[in-house]
C-alpha atoms as a PDB file:
ATOM      1  CA  UNK A   1      12.597 -13.601  -6.737  1.00  0.00           C
ATOM      2  CA  UNK A   2      12.786 -11.325  -3.724  1.00  0.00           C
ATOM      3  CA  UNK A   3      11.236  -7.856  -3.521  1.00  0.00           C
ATOM      4  CA  UNK A   4      14.101  -5.888  -5.055  1.00  0.00           C
ATOM      5  CA  UNK A   5      14.611  -8.382  -7.904  1.00  0.00           C
ATOM      6  CA  UNK A   6      10.896  -8.221  -8.656  1.00  0.00           C
ATOM      7  CA  UNK A   7      10.965  -4.418  -8.664  1.00  0.00           C
ATOM      8  CA  UNK A   8      13.945  -4.334 -11.022  1.00  0.00           C
ATOM      9  CA  UNK A   9      12.205  -6.737 -13.400  1.00  0.00           C
ATOM     10  CA  UNK A  10       8.745  -5.122 -13.246  1.00  0.00           C
ATOM     11  CA  UNK A  11      10.022  -1.565 -13.724  1.00  0.00           C
ATOM     12  CA  UNK A  12      12.691  -2.661 -16.228  1.00  0.00           C
ATOM     13  CA  UNK A  13      15.605  -1.164 -14.301  1.00  0.00           C
ATOM     14  CA  UNK A  14      19.221  -1.466 -15.438  1.00  0.00           C
ATOM     15  CA  UNK A  15      21.169  -3.352 -12.770  1.00  0.00           C
ATOM     16  CA  UNK A  16      24.074  -1.401 -11.303  1.00  0.00           C
ATOM     17  CA  UNK A  17      27.648  -2.675 -11.439  1.00  0.00           C
ATOM     18  CA  UNK A  18      29.274  -4.276  -8.429  1.00  0.00           C
ATOM     19  CA  UNK A  19      31.987  -2.416  -6.532  1.00  0.00           C
ATOM     20  CA  UNK A  20      32.336  -4.673  -3.485  1.00  0.00           C
ATOM     21  CA  UNK A  21      32.894  -8.386  -2.717  1.00  0.00           C
ATOM     22  CA  UNK A  22      30.497 -11.154  -1.743  1.00  0.00           C
ATOM     23  CA  UNK A  23      28.547 -10.481   1.437  1.00  0.00           C
ATOM     24  CA  UNK A  24      25.136 -10.634   3.057  1.00  0.00           C
ATOM     25  CA  UNK A  25      22.889  -7.889   1.692  1.00  0.00           C
ATOM     26  CA  UNK A  26      22.363  -5.069   4.191  1.00  0.00           C
ATOM     27  CA  UNK A  27      18.800  -4.557   2.914  1.00  0.00           C
ATOM     28  CA  UNK A  28      17.250  -7.939   2.087  1.00  0.00           C
ATOM     29  CA  UNK A  29      19.609 -10.164   4.075  1.00  0.00           C
ATOM     30  CA  UNK A  30      20.319 -12.588   1.241  1.00  0.00           C
ATOM     31  CA  UNK A  31      23.819 -13.810   0.510  1.00  0.00           C
ATOM     32  CA  UNK A  32      25.186 -12.293  -2.709  1.00  0.00           C
ATOM     33  CA  UNK A  33      28.190 -13.223  -4.859  1.00  0.00           C
ATOM     34  CA  UNK A  34      28.970  -9.566  -5.585  1.00  0.00           C
ATOM     35  CA  UNK A  35      27.717  -6.386  -4.016  1.00  0.00           C
ATOM     36  CA  UNK A  36      27.653  -2.616  -3.825  1.00  0.00           C
ATOM     37  CA  UNK A  37      29.073  -0.604  -0.951  1.00  0.00           C
ATOM     38  CA  UNK A  38      26.334   0.917   1.204  1.00  0.00           C
ATOM     39  CA  UNK A  39      28.434   4.072   1.540  1.00  0.00           C
ATOM     40  CA  UNK A  40      28.101   4.662  -2.202  1.00  0.00           C
ATOM     41  CA  UNK A  41      24.298   4.478  -1.937  1.00  0.00           C
ATOM     42  CA  UNK A  42      23.848   6.967   0.891  1.00  0.00           C
ATOM     43  CA  UNK A  43      23.332  10.580  -0.141  1.00  0.00           C
ATOM     44  CA  UNK A  44      22.956  13.719   1.947  1.00  0.00           C
ATOM     45  CA  UNK A  45      19.162  13.485   1.767  1.00  0.00           C
ATOM     46  CA  UNK A  46      18.961   9.761   2.570  1.00  0.00           C
ATOM     47  CA  UNK A  47      16.758   9.090   5.590  1.00  0.00           C
ATOM     48  CA  UNK A  48      15.975   6.081   7.819  1.00  0.00           C
ATOM     49  CA  UNK A  49      19.527   4.784   7.402  1.00  0.00           C
ATOM     50  CA  UNK A  50      19.583   2.574  10.555  1.00  0.00           C
ATOM     51  CA  UNK A  51      16.202   1.052   9.635  1.00  0.00           C
ATOM     52  CA  UNK A  52      17.193   0.391   6.015  1.00  0.00           C
ATOM     53  CA  UNK A  53      20.767  -0.870   6.174  1.00  0.00           C
ATOM     54  CA  UNK A  54      21.972  -3.657   8.449  1.00  0.00           C
ATOM     55  CA  UNK A  55      25.460  -4.102   7.078  1.00  0.00           C
ATOM     56  CA  UNK A  56      28.091  -2.635   4.773  1.00  0.00           C
ATOM     57  CA  UNK A  57      27.087  -4.056   1.392  1.00  0.00           C
ATOM     58  CA  UNK A  58      23.919  -4.438  -0.687  1.00  0.00           C
ATOM     59  CA  UNK A  59      23.080  -6.975  -3.372  1.00  0.00           C
ATOM     60  CA  UNK A  60      22.852  -5.629  -6.911  1.00  0.00           C
ATOM     61  CA  UNK A  61      19.011  -5.666  -7.168  1.00  0.00           C
ATOM     62  CA  UNK A  62      18.629  -3.881  -3.807  1.00  0.00           C
ATOM     63  CA  UNK A  63      21.284  -1.323  -4.737  1.00  0.00           C
ATOM     64  CA  UNK A  64      19.576  -0.741  -8.071  1.00  0.00           C
ATOM     65  CA  UNK A  65      16.117  -0.324  -6.528  1.00  0.00           C
ATOM     66  CA  UNK A  66      17.454   1.913  -3.761  1.00  0.00           C
ATOM     67  CA  UNK A  67      19.023   4.185  -6.349  1.00  0.00           C
ATOM     68  CA  UNK A  68      15.621   4.861  -7.937  1.00  0.00           C
ATOM     69  CA  UNK A  69      14.756   7.559  -5.415  1.00  0.00           C
ATOM     70  CA  UNK A  70      11.928   9.026  -7.533  1.00  0.00           C
ATOM     71  CA  UNK A  71      10.387   6.041  -9.267  1.00  0.00           C
ATOM     72  CA  UNK A  72      10.306   3.678  -6.287  1.00  0.00           C
ATOM     73  CA  UNK A  73       8.948   5.943  -3.570  1.00  0.00           C
ATOM     74  CA  UNK A  74       5.377   6.078  -2.306  1.00  0.00           C
ATOM     75  CA  UNK A  75       2.694   3.605  -3.391  1.00  0.00           C
ATOM     76  CA  UNK A  76       3.732   0.656  -5.538  1.00  0.00           C
ATOM     77  CA  UNK A  77       2.187  -2.536  -6.834  1.00  0.00           C
ATOM     78  CA  UNK A  78       3.678  -5.402  -8.762  1.00  0.00           C
ATOM     79  CA  UNK A  79       0.884  -7.399 -10.365  1.00  0.00           C
ATOM     80  CA  UNK A  80       1.298 -10.012 -13.111  1.00  0.00           C
ATOM     81  CA  UNK A  81       4.938  -8.942 -13.395  1.00  0.00           C
ATOM     82  CA  UNK A  82       4.004  -5.342 -14.198  1.00  0.00           C
ATOM     83  CA  UNK A  83       5.153  -2.401 -12.091  1.00  0.00           C
ATOM     84  CA  UNK A  84       2.345   0.003 -11.193  1.00  0.00           C
ATOM     85  CA  UNK A  85       2.151   3.224  -9.182  1.00  0.00           C
ATOM     86  CA  UNK A  86      -1.497   3.364  -8.067  1.00  0.00           C
ATOM     87  CA  UNK A  87      -3.269   6.378  -6.587  1.00  0.00           C
ATOM     88  CA  UNK A  88      -6.080   6.602  -4.035  1.00  0.00           C
ATOM     89  CA  UNK A  89      -8.167   9.192  -5.875  1.00  0.00           C
ATOM     90  CA  UNK A  90      -9.904   7.740  -8.903  1.00  0.00           C
ATOM     91  CA  UNK A  91     -10.234  11.188 -10.440  1.00  0.00           C
ATOM     92  CA  UNK A  92      -6.511  11.909 -10.064  1.00  0.00           C
ATOM     93  CA  UNK A  93      -5.617   8.449 -11.342  1.00  0.00           C
ATOM     94  CA  UNK A  94      -7.631   9.013 -14.512  1.00  0.00           C
ATOM     95  CA  UNK A  95      -5.900  12.341 -15.117  1.00  0.00           C
ATOM     96  CA  UNK A  96      -2.470  10.781 -14.597  1.00  0.00           C
ATOM     97  CA  UNK A  97      -3.225   7.650 -16.604  1.00  0.00           C
ATOM     98  CA  UNK A  98      -2.578   5.477 -13.555  1.00  0.00           C
ATOM     99  CA  UNK A  99      -4.728   2.879 -11.780  1.00  0.00           C
ATOM    100  CA  UNK A 100      -6.531   3.595  -8.504  1.00  0.00           C
ATOM    101  CA  UNK A 101      -6.336   1.262  -5.530  1.00  0.00           C
ATOM    102  CA  UNK A 102     -10.034   0.524  -5.098  1.00  0.00           C
ATOM    103  CA  UNK A 103     -10.355  -0.675  -8.696  1.00  0.00           C
ATOM    104  CA  UNK A 104      -7.279  -2.850  -8.345  1.00  0.00           C
ATOM    105  CA  UNK A 105      -8.588  -4.369  -5.123  1.00  0.00           C
ATOM    106  CA  UNK A 106     -11.878  -5.322  -6.742  1.00  0.00           C
ATOM    107  CA  UNK A 107     -10.116  -6.621  -9.856  1.00  0.00           C
ATOM    108  CA  UNK A 108      -7.197  -8.667  -8.493  1.00  0.00           C
ATOM    109  CA  UNK A 109      -7.420 -12.383  -9.216  1.00  0.00           C
ATOM    110  CA  UNK A 110      -7.142 -14.838  -6.317  1.00  0.00           C
ATOM    111  CA  UNK A 111      -3.799 -16.618  -5.876  1.00  0.00           C
ATOM    112  CA  UNK A 112      -1.946 -13.880  -7.784  1.00  0.00           C
ATOM    113  CA  UNK A 113       1.499 -13.033  -6.434  1.00  0.00           C
ATOM    114  CA  UNK A 114       1.952  -9.338  -5.603  1.00  0.00           C
ATOM    115  CA  UNK A 115       4.129  -6.799  -3.864  1.00  0.00           C
ATOM    116  CA  UNK A 116       1.999  -3.952  -2.538  1.00  0.00           C
ATOM    117  CA  UNK A 117       2.918  -0.698  -0.808  1.00  0.00           C
ATOM    118  CA  UNK A 118      -0.123   1.437  -0.018  1.00  0.00           C
ATOM    119  CA  UNK A 119       0.596   4.840   1.489  1.00  0.00           C
ATOM    120  CA  UNK A 120      -0.145   8.537   1.608  1.00  0.00           C
ATOM    121  CA  UNK A 121       3.588   9.243   1.807  1.00  0.00           C
ATOM    122  CA  UNK A 122       4.967  10.062  -1.636  1.00  0.00           C
ATOM    123  CA  UNK A 123       8.590  10.630  -0.615  1.00  0.00           C
ATOM    124  CA  UNK A 124       9.716   7.659   1.492  1.00  0.00           C
ATOM    125  CA  UNK A 125      11.310   4.488   0.132  1.00  0.00           C
ATOM    126  CA  UNK A 126       8.972   1.942   1.659  1.00  0.00           C
ATOM    127  CA  UNK A 127       9.563  -1.086  -0.571  1.00  0.00           C
ATOM    128  CA  UNK A 128      12.346  -2.258   1.761  1.00  0.00           C
ATOM    129  CA  UNK A 129       9.619  -3.211   4.278  1.00  0.00           C
ATOM    130  CA  UNK A 130       7.334  -4.895   1.733  1.00  0.00           C
ATOM    131  CA  UNK A 131       6.955  -8.627   1.104  1.00  0.00           C
ATOM    132  CA  UNK A 132       5.914 -10.875  -1.752  1.00  0.00           C
ATOM    133  CA  UNK A 133       2.354 -11.918  -0.944  1.00  0.00           C
ATOM    134  CA  UNK A 134      -0.445 -13.885  -2.616  1.00  0.00           C
ATOM    135  CA  UNK A 135      -3.916 -12.390  -3.055  1.00  0.00           C
ATOM    136  CA  UNK A 136      -6.279 -14.460  -0.947  1.00  0.00           C
ATOM    137  CA  UNK A 137      -7.193 -15.056   2.696  1.00  0.00           C
ATOM    138  CA  UNK A 138      -3.913 -13.631   4.041  1.00  0.00           C
ATOM    139  CA  UNK A 139      -2.838 -10.936   1.594  1.00  0.00           C
ATOM    140  CA  UNK A 140      -0.094  -8.783   3.144  1.00  0.00           C
ATOM    141  CA  UNK A 141       0.204  -5.264   1.719  1.00  0.00           C
ATOM    142  CA  UNK A 142       2.475  -2.774   3.453  1.00  0.00           C
ATOM    143  CA  UNK A 143       0.330   0.108   4.690  1.00  0.00           C
ATOM    144  CA  UNK A 144       1.774   3.432   5.823  1.00  0.00           C
ATOM    145  CA  UNK A 145      -0.551   6.284   6.782  1.00  0.00           C
ATOM    146  CA  UNK A 146      -0.755   8.330   9.959  1.00  0.00           C
ATOM    147  CA  UNK A 147       0.151   6.179  12.965  1.00  0.00           C
ATOM    148  CA  UNK A 148      -0.066   2.932  10.989  1.00  0.00           C
ATOM    149  CA  UNK A 149       3.225   1.710   9.530  1.00  0.00           C
ATOM    150  CA  UNK A 150       3.161  -2.063   9.123  1.00  0.00           C
ATOM    151  CA  UNK A 151       2.222  -5.046   7.025  1.00  0.00           C
ATOM    152  CA  UNK A 152      -1.509  -5.674   7.131  1.00  0.00           C
ATOM    153  CA  UNK A 153      -3.011  -9.152   6.935  1.00  0.00           C
ATOM    154  CA  UNK A 154      -6.298  -9.054   5.057  1.00  0.00           C
ATOM    155  CA  UNK A 155      -8.707 -11.438   3.401  1.00  0.00           C
ATOM    156  CA  UNK A 156      -9.287 -10.032  -0.073  1.00  0.00           C
ATOM    157  CA  UNK A 157     -12.934 -11.125  -0.053  1.00  0.00           C
ATOM    158  CA  UNK A 158     -13.581  -9.546   3.340  1.00  0.00           C
ATOM    159  CA  UNK A 159     -11.716  -6.434   2.198  1.00  0.00           C
ATOM    160  CA  UNK A 160     -13.995  -6.102  -0.830  1.00  0.00           C
ATOM    161  CA  UNK A 161     -17.067  -6.586   1.373  1.00  0.00           C
ATOM    162  CA  UNK A 162     -15.882  -3.906   3.799  1.00  0.00           C
ATOM    163  CA  UNK A 163     -14.921  -1.536   0.975  1.00  0.00           C
ATOM    164  CA  UNK A 164     -18.338  -1.898  -0.631  1.00  0.00           C
ATOM    165  CA  UNK A 165     -20.021  -1.087   2.694  1.00  0.00           C
ATOM    166  CA  UNK A 166     -17.839   1.955   3.355  1.00  0.00           C
ATOM    167  CA  UNK A 167     -18.418   3.336  -0.138  1.00  0.00           C
ATOM    168  CA  UNK A 168     -22.178   3.050   0.345  1.00  0.00           C
ATOM    169  CA  UNK A 169     -21.929   5.102   3.542  1.00  0.00           C
ATOM    170  CA  UNK A 170     -19.398   7.513   2.042  1.00  0.00           C
ATOM    171  CA  UNK A 171     -21.763   8.171  -0.874  1.00  0.00           C
ATOM    172  CA  UNK A 172     -24.465   9.241   1.600  1.00  0.00           C
ATOM    173  CA  UNK A 173     -22.313  12.184   2.650  1.00  0.00           C
ATOM    174  CA  UNK A 174     -20.538  10.857   5.745  1.00  0.00           C
ATOM    175  CA  UNK A 175     -16.854  11.791   5.871  1.00  0.00           C
ATOM    176  CA  UNK A 176     -14.102   9.234   6.289  1.00  0.00           C
ATOM    177  CA  UNK A 177     -13.284  10.787   9.670  1.00  0.00           C
ATOM    178  CA  UNK A 178     -16.847  10.140  10.847  1.00  0.00           C
ATOM    179  CA  UNK A 179     -16.974   6.627   9.361  1.00  0.00           C
ATOM    180  CA  UNK A 180     -13.763   5.837  11.245  1.00  0.00           C
ATOM    181  CA  UNK A 181     -15.335   6.623  14.627  1.00  0.00           C
ATOM    182  CA  UNK A 182     -19.153   6.639  14.600  1.00  0.00           C
ATOM    183  CA  UNK A 183     -21.888   7.764  12.225  1.00  0.00           C
ATOM    184  CA  UNK A 184     -23.495   9.538  15.164  1.00  0.00           C
ATOM    185  CA  UNK A 185     -20.495  11.871  15.527  1.00  0.00           C
ATOM    186  CA  UNK A 186     -21.640  15.432  14.814  1.00  0.00           C
ATOM    187  CA  UNK A 187     -24.709  14.148  12.988  1.00  0.00           C
ATOM    188  CA  UNK A 188     -26.645  17.052  11.482  1.00  0.00           C
ATOM    189  CA  UNK A 189     -30.457  17.064  11.900  1.00  0.00           C
ATOM    190  CA  UNK A 190     -30.839  17.370   8.120  1.00  0.00           C
ATOM    191  CA  UNK A 191     -28.751  14.226   7.551  1.00  0.00           C
ATOM    192  CA  UNK A 192     -30.824  12.346  10.107  1.00  0.00           C
ATOM    193  CA  UNK A 193     -34.019  13.491   8.399  1.00  0.00           C
ATOM    194  CA  UNK A 194     -32.870  12.583   4.868  1.00  0.00           C
ATOM    195  CA  UNK A 195     -31.281   9.193   5.617  1.00  0.00           C
ATOM    196  CA  UNK A 196     -33.396   8.163   8.576  1.00  0.00           C
ATOM    197  CA  UNK A 197     -32.479   6.899  12.024  1.00  0.00           C
ATOM    198  CA  UNK A 198     -33.211   3.265  11.198  1.00  0.00           C
ATOM    199  CA  UNK A 199     -30.879   3.191   8.208  1.00  0.00           C
ATOM    200  CA  UNK A 200     -28.091   5.020  10.050  1.00  0.00           C
ATOM    201  CA  UNK A 201     -28.458   2.618  12.960  1.00  0.00           C
ATOM    202  CA  UNK A 202     -28.172  -0.368  10.620  1.00  0.00           C
ATOM    203  CA  UNK A 203     -25.062   0.993   8.922  1.00  0.00           C
ATOM    204  CA  UNK A 204     -23.462   1.900  12.248  1.00  0.00           C
ATOM    205  CA  UNK A 205     -24.117  -1.572  13.646  1.00  0.00           C
ATOM    206  CA  UNK A 206     -22.345  -3.229  10.738  1.00  0.00           C
ATOM    207  CA  UNK A 207     -19.484  -0.712  10.650  1.00  0.00           C
ATOM    208  CA  UNK A 208     -18.814  -1.106  14.370  1.00  0.00           C
ATOM    209  CA  UNK A 209     -18.064  -4.788  13.791  1.00  0.00           C
ATOM    210  CA  UNK A 210     -15.478  -3.894  11.132  1.00  0.00           C
ATOM    211  CA  UNK A 211     -13.663  -1.113  12.981  1.00  0.00           C
ATOM    212  CA  UNK A 212     -10.283  -2.177  14.291  1.00  0.00           C
ATOM    213  CA  UNK A 213      -9.758  -4.808  11.599  1.00  0.00           C
ATOM    214  CA  UNK A 214      -7.040  -4.542   8.973  1.00  0.00           C
ATOM    215  CA  UNK A 215      -9.723  -4.783   6.301  1.00  0.00           C
ATOM    216  CA  UNK A 216     -11.430  -1.680   7.691  1.00  0.00           C
ATOM    217  CA  UNK A 217      -8.174   0.295   7.928  1.00  0.00           C
ATOM    218  CA  UNK A 218      -7.343  -0.349   4.289  1.00  0.00           C
ATOM    219  CA  UNK A 219     -10.882  -0.069   2.912  1.00  0.00           C
ATOM    220  CA  UNK A 220     -11.432   3.315   4.554  1.00  0.00           C
ATOM    221  CA  UNK A 221      -8.176   4.620   3.088  1.00  0.00           C
ATOM    222  CA  UNK A 222      -8.891   3.602  -0.525  1.00  0.00           C
ATOM    223  CA  UNK A 223     -12.692   4.161  -0.605  1.00  0.00           C
ATOM    224  CA  UNK A 224     -14.080   6.445  -3.298  1.00  0.00           C
ATOM    225  CA  UNK A 225     -17.369   8.345  -3.069  1.00  0.00           C
ATOM    226  CA  UNK A 226     -18.767   7.755  -6.532  1.00  0.00           C
ATOM    227  CA  UNK A 227     -17.165   4.401  -7.284  1.00  0.00           C
ATOM    228  CA  UNK A 228     -19.051   1.510  -8.811  1.00  0.00           C
ATOM    229  CA  UNK A 229     -17.746  -2.025  -8.578  1.00  0.00           C
END
């Protein structure tokens, strides 16, 4: 199944009726025996139209998924055929009865097929850019935050290693903004005294090797201060 078919199945969506003939889907590109007119899908608030539609008709699964403007926006994960809407904050996830990303990352089984959209944007339909990807050495979640808007390519084992490191440093009181650049940035004398120059130097040496990698980008985003793996 492609992304939209998987979303429809995982979130148990009712497939819309066709109102147009056979054509190539304007969203996923697959040939479809019956379709839905793109014009009927576009509303006054619909954004990113040129980037989303590349034709006049959409296949039924894509039309169905596109119509779910509330359910299928923001972060999404399909895992073991189940549709999930994970959150970054573990505290917020517990309150909402939803999973958090860092727990899912540590818990995902190798060779499991997934569709993952990880983002801070809660309003955009991003699933149209996502791909079906297997958890392993080249897992490909879609990541959208700040200036980054692309599919990442990460090794799940390296991601877990990097995430564990970042959470250790985060728990010491360093902010994510500081971890992203350098632990020496704006370092307070009290922090230096409590943690020690040698330990900070060791952490900074290891972190500097991770910065710039896709694993670091994702791990820093999902890291939680008081998490235990």
